[in-house]
């Protein structure tokens, strides 16, 4: 009977699951942020490349 009481009072498994869920949430947020940042950087470099092409074309008529 004492074994069952000890098993019911043991919170280590619950704590490990909570930490796992927090880590998963942080990972999902980081992936979403990095994805958005990657898209933004891609758009920025595309715009810079277009401006450089325009500048080269205008400099060499």
N, C-alpha and C. Protein backbone atom coordinates (compact mmCIF):
# COMPACT_ATOMS: atom_id res chain seq x y z
N UNK A 1 0.82 -1.19 0.00
CA UNK A 1 0.00 0.00 0.00
C UNK A 1 0.87 1.26 0.00
N UNK A 2 1.97 1.18 0.75
CA UNK A 2 2.87 2.33 0.80
C UNK A 2 3.50 2.61 -0.57
N UNK A 3 3.73 1.55 -1.34
CA UNK A 3 4.29 1.70 -2.69
C UNK A 3 3.35 2.51 -3.57
N UNK A 4 2.04 2.22 -3.51
CA UNK A 4 1.08 2.94 -4.32
C UNK A 4 0.97 4.41 -3.91
N UNK A 5 1.03 4.66 -2.60
CA UNK A 5 1.00 6.05 -2.15
C UNK A 5 2.22 6.81 -2.65
N UNK A 6 3.38 6.16 -2.63
CA UNK A 6 4.60 6.80 -3.12
C UNK A 6 4.53 7.07 -4.62
N UNK A 7 3.96 6.12 -5.37
CA UNK A 7 3.82 6.33 -6.81
C UNK A 7 2.87 7.48 -7.12
N UNK A 8 1.78 7.59 -6.37
CA UNK A 8 0.83 8.67 -6.61
C UNK A 8 1.41 10.03 -6.20
N UNK A 9 2.28 10.05 -5.22
CA UNK A 9 2.87 11.31 -4.75
C UNK A 9 4.06 11.73 -5.60
N UNK A 10 4.56 10.84 -6.45
CA UNK A 10 5.75 11.13 -7.26
C UNK A 10 5.38 12.09 -8.38
N UNK A 11 5.99 13.28 -8.41
CA UNK A 11 5.71 14.29 -9.42
C UNK A 11 6.82 14.44 -10.45
N UNK A 12 7.84 13.61 -10.40
CA UNK A 12 8.97 13.76 -11.32
C UNK A 12 8.55 13.57 -12.77
N UNK A 13 7.69 12.61 -13.04
CA UNK A 13 7.23 12.37 -14.41
C UNK A 13 6.46 13.56 -14.95
N UNK A 14 5.60 14.13 -14.14
CA UNK A 14 4.80 15.29 -14.55
C UNK A 14 5.71 16.48 -14.84
N UNK A 15 6.72 16.66 -14.01
CA UNK A 15 7.64 17.78 -14.23
C UNK A 15 8.41 17.60 -15.53
N UNK A 16 8.84 16.38 -15.81
CA UNK A 16 9.57 16.13 -17.05
C UNK A 16 8.68 16.39 -18.26
N UNK A 17 7.42 16.01 -18.19
CA UNK A 17 6.49 16.26 -19.29
C UNK A 17 6.27 17.76 -19.47
N UNK A 18 6.14 18.49 -18.38
CA UNK A 18 5.96 19.94 -18.47
C UNK A 18 7.16 20.60 -19.13
N UNK A 19 8.36 20.20 -18.73
CA UNK A 19 9.56 20.76 -19.35
C UNK A 19 9.62 20.39 -20.83
N UNK A 20 9.21 19.19 -21.18
CA UNK A 20 9.18 18.78 -22.58
C UNK A 20 8.21 19.62 -23.39
N UNK A 21 7.05 19.90 -22.84
CA UNK A 21 6.07 20.73 -23.53
C UNK A 21 6.57 22.16 -23.70
N UNK A 22 7.22 22.69 -22.68
CA UNK A 22 7.78 24.04 -22.78
C UNK A 22 8.87 24.09 -23.85
N UNK A 23 9.73 23.08 -23.89
CA UNK A 23 10.79 23.03 -24.89
C UNK A 23 10.19 22.94 -26.30
N UNK A 24 9.13 22.16 -26.46
CA UNK A 24 8.48 22.05 -27.76
C UNK A 24 7.86 23.38 -28.18
N UNK A 25 7.26 24.09 -27.25
CA UNK A 25 6.66 25.39 -27.56
C UNK A 25 7.73 26.40 -27.96
N UNK A 26 8.84 26.41 -27.25
CA UNK A 26 9.95 27.30 -27.59
C UNK A 26 10.50 26.96 -28.98
N UNK A 27 10.61 25.67 -29.28
CA UNK A 27 11.12 25.25 -30.60
C UNK A 27 10.18 25.70 -31.72
N UNK A 28 8.89 25.55 -31.52
CA UNK A 28 7.92 25.97 -32.54
C UNK A 28 7.98 27.49 -32.74
N UNK A 29 8.08 28.24 -31.66
CA UNK A 29 8.18 29.70 -31.77
C UNK A 29 9.46 30.10 -32.49
N UNK A 30 10.57 29.44 -32.18
CA UNK A 30 11.85 29.76 -32.83
C UNK A 30 11.79 29.45 -34.32
N UNK A 31 11.20 28.32 -34.68
CA UNK A 31 11.09 27.96 -36.10
C UNK A 31 10.22 28.97 -36.84
N UNK A 32 9.13 29.38 -36.25
CA UNK A 32 8.25 30.37 -36.89
C UNK A 32 8.97 31.71 -37.06
N UNK A 33 9.70 32.13 -36.04
CA UNK A 33 10.42 33.41 -36.12
C UNK A 33 11.52 33.36 -37.17
N UNK A 34 12.26 32.25 -37.21
CA UNK A 34 13.33 32.12 -38.19
C UNK A 34 12.79 32.03 -39.61
N UNK A 35 11.66 31.39 -39.78
CA UNK A 35 11.03 31.32 -41.09
C UNK A 35 10.64 32.71 -41.58
N UNK A 36 10.03 33.48 -40.69
CA UNK A 36 9.64 34.85 -41.05
C UNK A 36 10.87 35.70 -41.34
N UNK A 37 11.90 35.55 -40.55
CA UNK A 37 13.13 36.31 -40.77
C UNK A 37 13.76 35.94 -42.10
N UNK A 38 13.75 34.66 -42.44
CA UNK A 38 14.31 34.20 -43.71
C UNK A 38 13.57 34.81 -44.89
N UNK A 39 12.26 34.86 -44.81
CA UNK A 39 11.45 35.46 -45.88
C UNK A 39 11.76 36.95 -46.00
N UNK A 40 11.87 37.62 -44.89
CA UNK A 40 12.18 39.04 -44.89
C UNK A 40 13.56 39.31 -45.48
N UNK A 41 14.54 38.51 -45.10
CA UNK A 41 15.89 38.68 -45.65
C UNK A 41 15.92 38.41 -47.14
N UNK A 42 15.20 37.40 -47.58
CA UNK A 42 15.14 37.08 -49.00
C UNK A 42 14.57 38.25 -49.79
N UNK A 43 13.50 38.84 -49.28
CA UNK A 43 12.89 40.00 -49.96
C UNK A 43 13.85 41.18 -49.98
N UNK A 44 14.57 41.39 -48.90
CA UNK A 44 15.52 42.50 -48.82
C UNK A 44 16.64 42.32 -49.84
N UNK A 45 17.22 41.12 -49.91
CA UNK A 45 18.31 40.89 -50.85
C UNK A 45 17.84 40.93 -52.30
N UNK A 46 16.61 40.50 -52.54
CA UNK A 46 16.06 40.60 -53.90
C UNK A 46 15.93 42.07 -54.31
N UNK A 47 15.44 42.89 -53.39
CA UNK A 47 15.32 44.33 -53.67
C UNK A 47 16.67 44.99 -53.89
N UNK A 48 17.66 44.63 -53.07
CA UNK A 48 19.01 45.19 -53.22
C UNK A 48 19.61 44.77 -54.56
N UNK A 49 19.42 43.52 -54.94
CA UNK A 49 19.93 43.03 -56.22
C UNK A 49 19.30 43.78 -57.39
N UNK A 50 18.01 44.02 -57.30
CA UNK A 50 17.32 44.76 -58.37
C UNK A 50 17.83 46.19 -58.46
N UNK A 51 18.04 46.82 -57.32
CA UNK A 51 18.58 48.18 -57.32
C UNK A 51 20.00 48.22 -57.90
N UNK A 52 20.80 47.23 -57.59
CA UNK A 52 22.16 47.18 -58.13
C UNK A 52 22.13 46.97 -59.64
N UNK A 53 21.23 46.11 -60.13
CA UNK A 53 21.10 45.91 -61.57
C UNK A 53 20.70 47.20 -62.27
N UNK A 54 19.77 47.93 -61.65
CA UNK A 54 19.34 49.23 -62.21
C UNK A 54 20.49 50.22 -62.22
N UNK A 55 21.26 50.27 -61.15
CA UNK A 55 22.38 51.20 -61.06
C UNK A 55 23.45 50.86 -62.10
N UNK A 56 23.73 49.58 -62.31
CA UNK A 56 24.73 49.17 -63.30
C UNK A 56 24.23 49.50 -64.72
N UNK A 57 22.95 49.26 -64.97
CA UNK A 57 22.39 49.55 -66.30
C UNK A 57 22.44 51.05 -66.58
N UNK A 58 22.12 51.88 -65.59
CA UNK A 58 22.14 53.33 -65.77
C UNK A 58 23.56 53.88 -65.85
N UNK A 59 24.52 53.22 -65.24
CA UNK A 59 25.90 53.70 -65.27
C UNK A 59 26.59 53.36 -66.59
N UNK A 60 26.15 52.30 -67.27
CA UNK A 60 26.74 51.87 -68.54
C UNK A 60 25.70 51.89 -69.65
N UNK A 61 25.42 53.08 -70.18
CA UNK A 61 24.36 53.17 -71.22
C UNK A 61 24.78 52.55 -72.53
